[in-house]
N, C-alpha and C. Protein backbone atom coordinates (compact mmCIF):
# COMPACT_ATOMS: atom_id res chain seq x y z
N MET A 1 -145.50 83.66 122.13
CA MET A 1 -146.41 83.51 122.66
C MET A 1 -147.06 84.70 122.99
N ASN A 2 -148.58 84.63 123.24
CA ASN A 2 -149.42 86.04 124.14
C ASN A 2 -149.27 85.59 125.25
N LYS A 3 -149.12 86.79 125.97
CA LYS A 3 -149.07 87.24 127.48
C LYS A 3 -150.22 86.43 128.63
N ASN A 4 -151.13 86.39 128.02
CA ASN A 4 -152.71 85.93 128.78
C ASN A 4 -151.98 83.58 128.70
N LEU A 5 -151.70 83.24 127.51
CA LEU A 5 -151.13 81.99 127.58
C LEU A 5 -149.79 81.86 128.54
N GLU A 6 -148.89 82.80 128.32
CA GLU A 6 -148.09 82.65 129.24
C GLU A 6 -148.65 82.62 131.03
N LYS A 7 -149.44 83.45 131.12
CA LYS A 7 -150.19 83.88 132.45
C LYS A 7 -150.38 82.57 132.70
N LYS A 8 -151.15 81.80 131.94
CA LYS A 8 -151.69 80.62 132.78
C LYS A 8 -150.95 79.58 132.31
N LEU A 9 -149.58 79.52 131.79
CA LEU A 9 -148.40 78.65 132.24
C LEU A 9 -148.02 78.64 133.64
N LYS A 10 -147.52 79.72 133.72
CA LYS A 10 -146.73 80.49 134.52
C LYS A 10 -147.78 80.11 135.81
N ASP A 11 -149.04 80.21 135.71
CA ASP A 11 -150.14 80.61 137.23
C ASP A 11 -150.47 78.99 137.54
N ASN A 12 -149.93 77.84 136.39
CA ASN A 12 -149.91 76.83 136.87
C ASN A 12 -149.30 75.68 137.46
N PHE A 13 -147.89 76.15 136.80
CA PHE A 13 -146.63 75.77 137.06
C PHE A 13 -145.34 76.70 137.49
N PRO A 14 -145.74 77.53 138.88
CA PRO A 14 -145.26 78.24 138.95
C PRO A 14 -143.81 77.44 139.68
N LYS A 15 -143.40 76.26 139.99
CA LYS A 15 -142.42 76.58 140.60
C LYS A 15 -141.68 75.77 139.02
N LEU A 16 -141.55 75.53 138.17
CA LEU A 16 -141.22 74.89 136.77
C LEU A 16 -140.69 76.13 136.11
N LEU A 17 -141.73 77.06 136.19
CA LEU A 17 -141.33 78.06 135.27
C LEU A 17 -141.48 79.29 136.05
N SER A 18 -140.77 79.51 137.09
CA SER A 18 -140.31 80.56 138.50
C SER A 18 -139.33 81.33 137.38
N ASN A 19 -138.73 80.73 136.51
CA ASN A 19 -137.66 81.81 135.42
C ASN A 19 -137.99 82.56 134.73
N MET A 20 -139.48 82.80 134.83
CA MET A 20 -140.14 83.45 133.23
C MET A 20 -140.44 84.79 133.77
N TYR A 21 -139.65 85.23 133.08
CA TYR A 21 -139.59 86.78 133.20
C TYR A 21 -138.64 87.44 133.83
N ASN A 22 -137.44 86.65 134.63
CA ASN A 22 -136.34 86.48 135.04
C ASN A 22 -135.29 87.06 133.92
N LYS A 23 -134.87 88.29 134.33
CA LYS A 23 -133.78 88.73 133.54
C LYS A 23 -132.50 88.16 133.51
N GLU A 24 -132.35 87.34 134.02
CA GLU A 24 -131.01 86.26 134.43
C GLU A 24 -131.18 84.88 133.23
N SER A 25 -132.58 84.98 132.86
CA SER A 25 -133.04 83.70 132.17
C SER A 25 -133.45 83.93 131.22
N CYS A 26 -132.76 82.74 129.61
CA CYS A 26 -133.02 83.44 128.33
C CYS A 26 -134.86 83.13 128.86
N LEU A 27 -135.48 83.06 129.84
CA LEU A 27 -137.33 82.79 129.55
C LEU A 27 -137.91 84.16 130.00
N ALA A 28 -136.44 84.91 130.29
CA ALA A 28 -137.05 86.58 130.65
C ALA A 28 -137.81 87.04 129.19
N TRP A 29 -137.89 87.05 128.05
CA TRP A 29 -139.02 86.92 127.26
C TRP A 29 -139.84 86.36 126.65
N GLY A 30 -140.08 85.17 128.17
CA GLY A 30 -141.58 84.35 127.84
C GLY A 30 -141.32 83.07 126.71
N VAL A 31 -142.33 82.56 126.27
CA VAL A 31 -142.36 81.49 125.33
C VAL A 31 -141.81 82.30 124.15
N GLN A 32 -140.95 81.81 123.29
CA GLN A 32 -140.78 82.18 122.23
C GLN A 32 -141.11 81.24 120.83
N CYS A 33 -142.53 80.76 121.14
CA CYS A 33 -142.85 80.71 119.68
C CYS A 33 -144.67 80.66 119.97
N ASP A 34 -145.30 80.95 118.81
CA ASP A 34 -146.38 81.13 118.50
C ASP A 34 -147.31 80.05 119.65
N ASP A 35 -148.86 80.48 119.08
CA ASP A 35 -149.94 79.98 120.53
C ASP A 35 -150.72 79.18 120.09
N GLY A 36 -150.33 78.57 118.93
CA GLY A 36 -150.62 76.80 118.35
C GLY A 36 -149.82 75.95 118.91
N TRP A 37 -148.68 75.80 119.68
CA TRP A 37 -147.79 75.13 120.90
C TRP A 37 -148.47 75.78 122.05
N TYR A 38 -149.62 75.43 122.47
CA TYR A 38 -149.72 76.10 124.31
C TYR A 38 -149.70 74.62 124.76
N ASP A 39 -150.99 74.30 124.04
CA ASP A 39 -151.37 72.74 124.50
C ASP A 39 -150.32 71.86 124.75
N LEU A 40 -149.16 71.70 124.04
CA LEU A 40 -147.73 71.17 124.03
C LEU A 40 -146.91 71.25 124.82
N ILE A 41 -146.87 72.45 125.32
CA ILE A 41 -146.00 72.99 126.31
C ILE A 41 -146.51 72.87 127.38
N TYR A 42 -147.71 72.81 127.80
CA TYR A 42 -148.58 73.34 128.71
C TYR A 42 -148.74 71.21 129.31
N ASN A 43 -148.63 70.73 128.15
CA ASN A 43 -148.81 69.45 128.99
C ASN A 43 -147.22 68.86 129.11
N CYS A 44 -146.32 69.15 128.43
CA CYS A 44 -145.10 69.18 128.69
C CYS A 44 -144.76 69.45 129.80
N CYS A 45 -145.32 70.70 130.77
CA CYS A 45 -144.81 71.28 131.86
C CYS A 45 -145.68 70.24 132.72
N LYS A 46 -147.22 69.61 132.79
CA LYS A 46 -147.39 69.12 133.40
C LYS A 46 -146.61 67.79 133.43
N GLU A 47 -146.14 66.97 132.10
CA GLU A 47 -145.44 65.74 132.67
C GLU A 47 -144.65 65.75 133.61
N LEU A 48 -143.76 67.22 133.38
CA LEU A 48 -142.09 67.26 134.15
C LEU A 48 -142.83 67.69 135.44
N GLN A 49 -143.69 68.28 135.60
CA GLN A 49 -143.90 68.84 137.08
C GLN A 49 -144.38 67.71 137.63
N ASP A 50 -145.37 67.05 137.39
CA ASP A 50 -145.44 65.97 137.57
C ASP A 50 -144.10 64.73 138.07
N TRP A 51 -143.89 64.39 137.09
CA TRP A 51 -142.29 63.62 137.31
C TRP A 51 -141.63 64.88 139.04
N CYS A 52 -141.30 65.73 138.56
CA CYS A 52 -140.89 66.46 140.02
C CYS A 52 -141.29 65.89 141.41
N ASP A 53 -142.51 66.42 141.26
CA ASP A 53 -143.38 65.68 142.46
C ASP A 53 -142.79 64.37 143.00
N LYS A 54 -143.20 63.64 141.90
CA LYS A 54 -143.08 62.00 142.42
C LYS A 54 -141.90 61.80 142.60
N ASN A 55 -140.63 63.09 142.11
CA ASN A 55 -139.32 62.22 142.46
C ASN A 55 -138.74 62.96 143.88
N SER A 56 -139.74 64.12 144.68
CA SER A 56 -139.79 65.12 145.36
C SER A 56 -138.21 65.82 145.03
N THR A 57 -138.16 66.40 143.88
CA THR A 57 -137.06 67.44 143.55
C THR A 57 -137.41 68.14 142.64
N GLN A 58 -137.31 69.34 142.08
CA GLN A 58 -137.39 70.14 140.99
C GLN A 58 -136.71 70.75 140.55
N ILE A 59 -137.23 70.99 139.00
CA ILE A 59 -136.41 71.48 138.04
C ILE A 59 -136.70 72.58 137.36
N GLN A 60 -136.11 73.90 136.70
CA GLN A 60 -137.06 74.74 136.18
C GLN A 60 -136.60 75.29 134.97
N ALA A 61 -138.12 75.23 133.94
CA ALA A 61 -137.12 75.77 132.32
C ALA A 61 -136.65 76.92 132.72
N GLU A 62 -135.42 76.74 131.22
CA GLU A 62 -134.92 78.06 131.39
C GLU A 62 -135.21 79.11 130.07
N GLN A 63 -135.25 78.39 129.34
CA GLN A 63 -136.15 78.29 128.38
C GLN A 63 -136.90 77.71 127.22
N ILE A 64 -137.97 78.25 126.48
CA ILE A 64 -138.88 77.51 125.59
C ILE A 64 -139.12 77.88 124.63
N LYS A 65 -138.57 77.44 123.29
CA LYS A 65 -139.05 78.61 122.15
C LYS A 65 -139.37 77.46 121.03
N GLU A 66 -139.11 77.91 119.68
CA GLU A 66 -139.22 77.37 118.51
C GLU A 66 -137.79 77.46 118.00
N LYS A 67 -137.13 76.08 117.04
CA LYS A 67 -136.04 76.40 116.18
C LYS A 67 -136.03 75.09 115.30
N PHE A 68 -135.22 76.19 114.42
CA PHE A 68 -135.58 74.98 113.04
C PHE A 68 -137.30 74.15 113.34
N GLY A 69 -138.19 74.69 113.35
CA GLY A 69 -139.18 74.40 113.29
C GLY A 69 -139.91 73.43 113.93
N THR A 70 -139.26 73.47 115.30
CA THR A 70 -139.38 72.79 116.35
C THR A 70 -139.37 72.86 117.74
N LEU A 71 -140.41 72.42 118.52
CA LEU A 71 -139.83 73.23 120.41
C LEU A 71 -138.88 72.13 120.72
N ARG A 72 -138.12 73.64 121.30
CA ARG A 72 -137.30 73.38 122.35
C ARG A 72 -137.52 73.62 123.50
N TYR A 73 -136.95 72.64 124.31
CA TYR A 73 -137.13 72.87 126.21
C TYR A 73 -136.16 72.68 126.73
N TYR A 74 -135.50 73.89 127.49
CA TYR A 74 -134.35 74.01 127.96
C TYR A 74 -134.28 73.82 129.58
N LEU A 75 -133.75 73.20 129.93
CA LEU A 75 -133.41 72.95 131.63
C LEU A 75 -133.32 73.41 132.51
N LYS A 76 -133.01 73.45 133.93
CA LYS A 76 -132.50 73.76 134.99
C LYS A 76 -132.48 73.13 136.23
N SER A 77 -131.99 72.49 136.63
CA SER A 77 -132.11 71.90 137.85
C SER A 77 -131.52 72.79 139.87
N ASN A 78 -132.23 72.76 140.28
CA ASN A 78 -132.04 73.23 141.74
C ASN A 78 -130.64 72.53 142.31
N ASN A 79 -130.00 70.96 141.85
CA ASN A 79 -129.18 70.48 142.07
C ASN A 79 -128.69 70.40 140.20
N GLU A 80 -128.18 71.27 139.68
CA GLU A 80 -127.35 71.36 138.48
C GLU A 80 -126.96 70.06 137.60
N LEU A 81 -125.75 69.71 138.61
CA LEU A 81 -125.18 68.26 137.94
C LEU A 81 -126.05 67.10 138.29
N GLY A 82 -126.22 66.67 139.83
CA GLY A 82 -127.26 65.50 140.50
C GLY A 82 -128.39 65.28 139.72
N ILE A 83 -129.90 66.27 139.72
CA ILE A 83 -130.97 65.65 139.10
C ILE A 83 -130.34 65.70 138.20
N LEU A 84 -130.12 66.21 136.34
CA LEU A 84 -130.18 66.16 135.81
C LEU A 84 -129.11 65.04 135.05
N VAL A 85 -128.12 64.30 136.02
CA VAL A 85 -127.32 63.07 135.54
C VAL A 85 -127.90 62.22 136.03
N ASN A 86 -128.24 62.22 137.35
CA ASN A 86 -129.39 60.86 138.04
C ASN A 86 -130.69 60.92 136.61
N TYR A 87 -131.19 61.69 136.73
CA TYR A 87 -131.98 61.55 136.02
C TYR A 87 -132.53 61.55 134.56
N TRP A 88 -131.47 61.98 133.70
CA TRP A 88 -131.41 63.00 132.62
C TRP A 88 -132.33 61.94 131.86
N THR A 89 -132.33 60.62 131.35
CA THR A 89 -132.49 59.67 130.72
C THR A 89 -134.88 59.99 131.08
N GLU A 90 -135.13 59.87 131.81
CA GLU A 90 -136.76 59.75 132.65
C GLU A 90 -137.17 61.53 131.92
N ILE A 91 -135.83 62.56 132.11
CA ILE A 91 -136.67 64.14 131.83
C ILE A 91 -136.34 63.97 130.21
N ASN A 92 -135.48 63.83 129.78
CA ASN A 92 -135.28 63.79 128.33
C ASN A 92 -136.35 63.27 127.49
N GLU A 93 -136.89 62.36 127.62
CA GLU A 93 -137.63 60.97 127.30
C GLU A 93 -139.25 62.23 127.40
N ILE A 94 -139.68 62.79 128.32
CA ILE A 94 -140.88 63.59 128.44
C ILE A 94 -140.58 64.39 127.14
N ILE A 95 -139.33 65.28 127.60
CA ILE A 95 -139.20 66.28 126.64
C ILE A 95 -138.68 65.91 125.50
N ASP A 96 -138.76 64.77 124.53
CA ASP A 96 -137.95 64.61 123.53
C ASP A 96 -139.35 63.79 122.89
N LYS A 97 -140.34 63.80 123.31
CA LYS A 97 -142.12 63.57 122.91
C LYS A 97 -142.92 64.78 123.00
N TYR A 98 -142.66 65.26 123.40
CA TYR A 98 -143.27 66.84 122.74
C TYR A 98 -142.75 67.42 121.89
N GLU A 99 -141.34 67.32 121.68
CA GLU A 99 -140.32 67.99 120.41
C GLU A 99 -140.21 67.38 119.09
N THR A 100 -141.12 65.76 119.26
CA THR A 100 -141.60 65.10 118.13
C THR A 100 -142.62 65.67 117.38
N ILE A 101 -143.64 65.63 118.55
CA ILE A 101 -145.06 66.22 118.32
C ILE A 101 -144.90 67.24 117.72
N SER A 102 -144.03 68.52 118.16
CA SER A 102 -144.13 69.32 117.48
C SER A 102 -143.77 69.70 116.18
N ALA A 103 -142.90 68.98 115.79
CA ALA A 103 -142.77 68.59 114.14
C ALA A 103 -143.81 68.52 113.12
N SER A 104 -145.24 67.88 113.63
CA SER A 104 -146.10 67.87 112.77
C SER A 104 -147.36 68.51 113.47
N THR A 105 -146.86 69.60 114.06
CA THR A 105 -148.11 70.43 114.78
C THR A 105 -147.76 72.07 114.38
N CYS A 106 -149.01 72.65 113.12
CA CYS A 106 -149.12 73.86 113.20
C CYS A 106 -148.45 74.73 114.53
N GLU A 107 -147.34 75.63 114.36
CA GLU A 107 -146.99 76.55 115.33
C GLU A 107 -148.28 77.49 115.68
N LEU A 108 -149.30 78.06 115.27
CA LEU A 108 -149.55 79.04 114.57
C LEU A 108 -150.99 78.45 115.10
N THR A 109 -151.84 77.66 114.70
CA THR A 109 -152.99 77.44 115.02
C THR A 109 -153.29 75.66 116.09
N GLY A 110 -152.47 75.11 116.27
CA GLY A 110 -151.95 74.13 116.83
C GLY A 110 -152.71 72.36 115.70
N GLY A 111 -153.24 72.78 114.69
CA GLY A 111 -153.63 71.64 113.66
C GLY A 111 -152.55 70.80 113.28
N LYS A 112 -152.71 70.00 112.59
CA LYS A 112 -151.47 69.12 111.80
C LYS A 112 -150.89 70.17 110.75
N GLY A 113 -149.59 70.31 110.90
CA GLY A 113 -148.48 71.04 110.30
C GLY A 113 -147.36 70.03 109.67
N SER A 114 -146.60 70.90 108.75
CA SER A 114 -145.23 70.04 108.49
C SER A 114 -144.32 71.05 108.23
N ALA A 115 -142.93 71.12 108.30
CA ALA A 115 -141.94 72.07 107.61
C ALA A 115 -142.06 72.52 106.26
N LYS A 116 -142.55 73.76 106.64
CA LYS A 116 -142.39 75.03 105.58
C LYS A 116 -141.03 75.65 106.35
N ARG A 117 -140.90 76.58 104.45
CA ARG A 117 -139.87 77.44 104.86
C ARG A 117 -140.22 78.69 104.17
N ARG A 118 -139.39 79.76 104.47
CA ARG A 118 -139.46 81.05 103.79
C ARG A 118 -138.06 81.71 104.05
N GLY A 119 -137.08 81.35 102.72
CA GLY A 119 -135.77 82.18 102.62
C GLY A 119 -135.33 81.11 103.98
N TYR A 120 -134.84 81.70 104.51
CA TYR A 120 -134.00 80.67 105.99
C TYR A 120 -134.62 79.95 106.53
N LEU A 121 -136.33 80.99 106.66
CA LEU A 121 -137.05 80.97 108.28
C LEU A 121 -137.48 79.18 108.41
N ILE A 122 -137.98 78.53 108.98
CA ILE A 122 -138.17 77.25 109.11
C ILE A 122 -139.34 76.84 109.69
N LYS A 123 -140.65 76.71 110.16
CA LYS A 123 -141.51 76.62 110.88
C LYS A 123 -142.33 75.72 110.63
N THR A 124 -142.98 75.05 111.63
CA THR A 124 -144.09 73.77 110.91
C THR A 124 -145.17 74.45 111.21
N LEU A 125 -145.75 74.87 110.07
CA LEU A 125 -147.44 75.65 110.12
C LEU A 125 -148.41 74.22 109.04
N CYS A 126 -149.70 74.49 109.48
CA CYS A 126 -150.18 73.85 108.45
C CYS A 126 -150.38 74.82 106.84
N ASP A 127 -151.05 74.00 105.65
CA ASP A 127 -151.14 74.62 104.60
C ASP A 127 -151.34 75.62 104.42
N GLU A 128 -152.45 75.99 105.50
CA GLU A 128 -153.45 77.18 104.97
C GLU A 128 -152.52 78.87 105.59
N SER A 129 -151.79 78.22 106.64
CA SER A 129 -151.39 79.25 107.39
C SER A 129 -149.91 79.79 106.46
N ALA A 130 -149.24 78.24 105.78
CA ALA A 130 -148.15 78.67 105.14
C ALA A 130 -148.43 79.52 103.76
N VAL A 131 -149.41 79.70 102.93
CA VAL A 131 -150.09 80.42 102.44
C VAL A 131 -150.01 81.87 102.59
N LEU A 132 -151.00 81.90 104.14
CA LEU A 132 -151.13 83.17 103.98
C LEU A 132 -150.09 83.80 104.64
N TYR A 133 -149.00 83.09 104.77
CA TYR A 133 -147.68 83.74 105.60
C TYR A 133 -146.27 83.84 104.37
N GLY A 134 -147.03 83.24 103.45
CA GLY A 134 -145.55 83.18 102.14
C GLY A 134 -144.63 82.11 102.11
N PHE A 135 -144.89 81.07 102.90
CA PHE A 135 -144.30 79.56 103.14
C PHE A 135 -144.57 78.64 102.31
N VAL A 136 -143.18 78.13 101.60
CA VAL A 136 -143.62 77.10 100.80
C VAL A 136 -143.42 75.42 101.50
N ASP A 137 -143.58 74.50 100.74
CA ASP A 137 -143.26 73.30 101.66
C ASP A 137 -141.05 73.20 102.13
N GLY A 138 -141.31 72.67 103.11
CA GLY A 138 -139.50 73.35 103.50
C GLY A 138 -138.67 71.75 103.66
N PRO A 139 -137.65 71.64 104.17
CA PRO A 139 -137.30 70.20 104.51
C PRO A 139 -137.79 69.43 104.96
N LYS A 140 -137.15 68.17 105.08
CA LYS A 140 -138.10 67.37 106.23
C LYS A 140 -137.20 67.14 107.75
N ILE A 141 -137.68 67.81 108.81
CA ILE A 141 -137.08 67.94 110.51
C ILE A 141 -136.63 66.56 110.43
N LYS A 142 -135.58 66.05 111.20
CA LYS A 142 -134.86 64.83 111.36
C LYS A 142 -135.01 65.04 113.27
N ASN A 143 -136.04 64.05 113.66
CA ASN A 143 -135.84 63.97 115.11
C ASN A 143 -135.01 62.96 115.74
């Protein structure tokens, strides 16, 4: 993701994204996907931070990336076991919603997309982006 969009995310969600550019975190390299998923990631961050505020606790993103054509969002808590064990279902529902939406959202444009492949690489792309970058229809992604 481009640095300007990452900065917007970090500015809007400083507690949730406190590990961004921290060399001891997988967020050291920023958000590892293309710009088309910015809105998905923003909305996911918003829901997660709202949840944190409502529950008087704080979780932090450890990594945000694309894997096998869909969004992956990994978390760390300030009480590693307690928060995630006690609230895992609620937190996971938020993340699952956006990971599912990503499977039909073009990673480059943010428009409607589907799984495309180029060799062993799988990305969720719109038809135009797929043609432009040499991708063809890919496997059905299971959610």
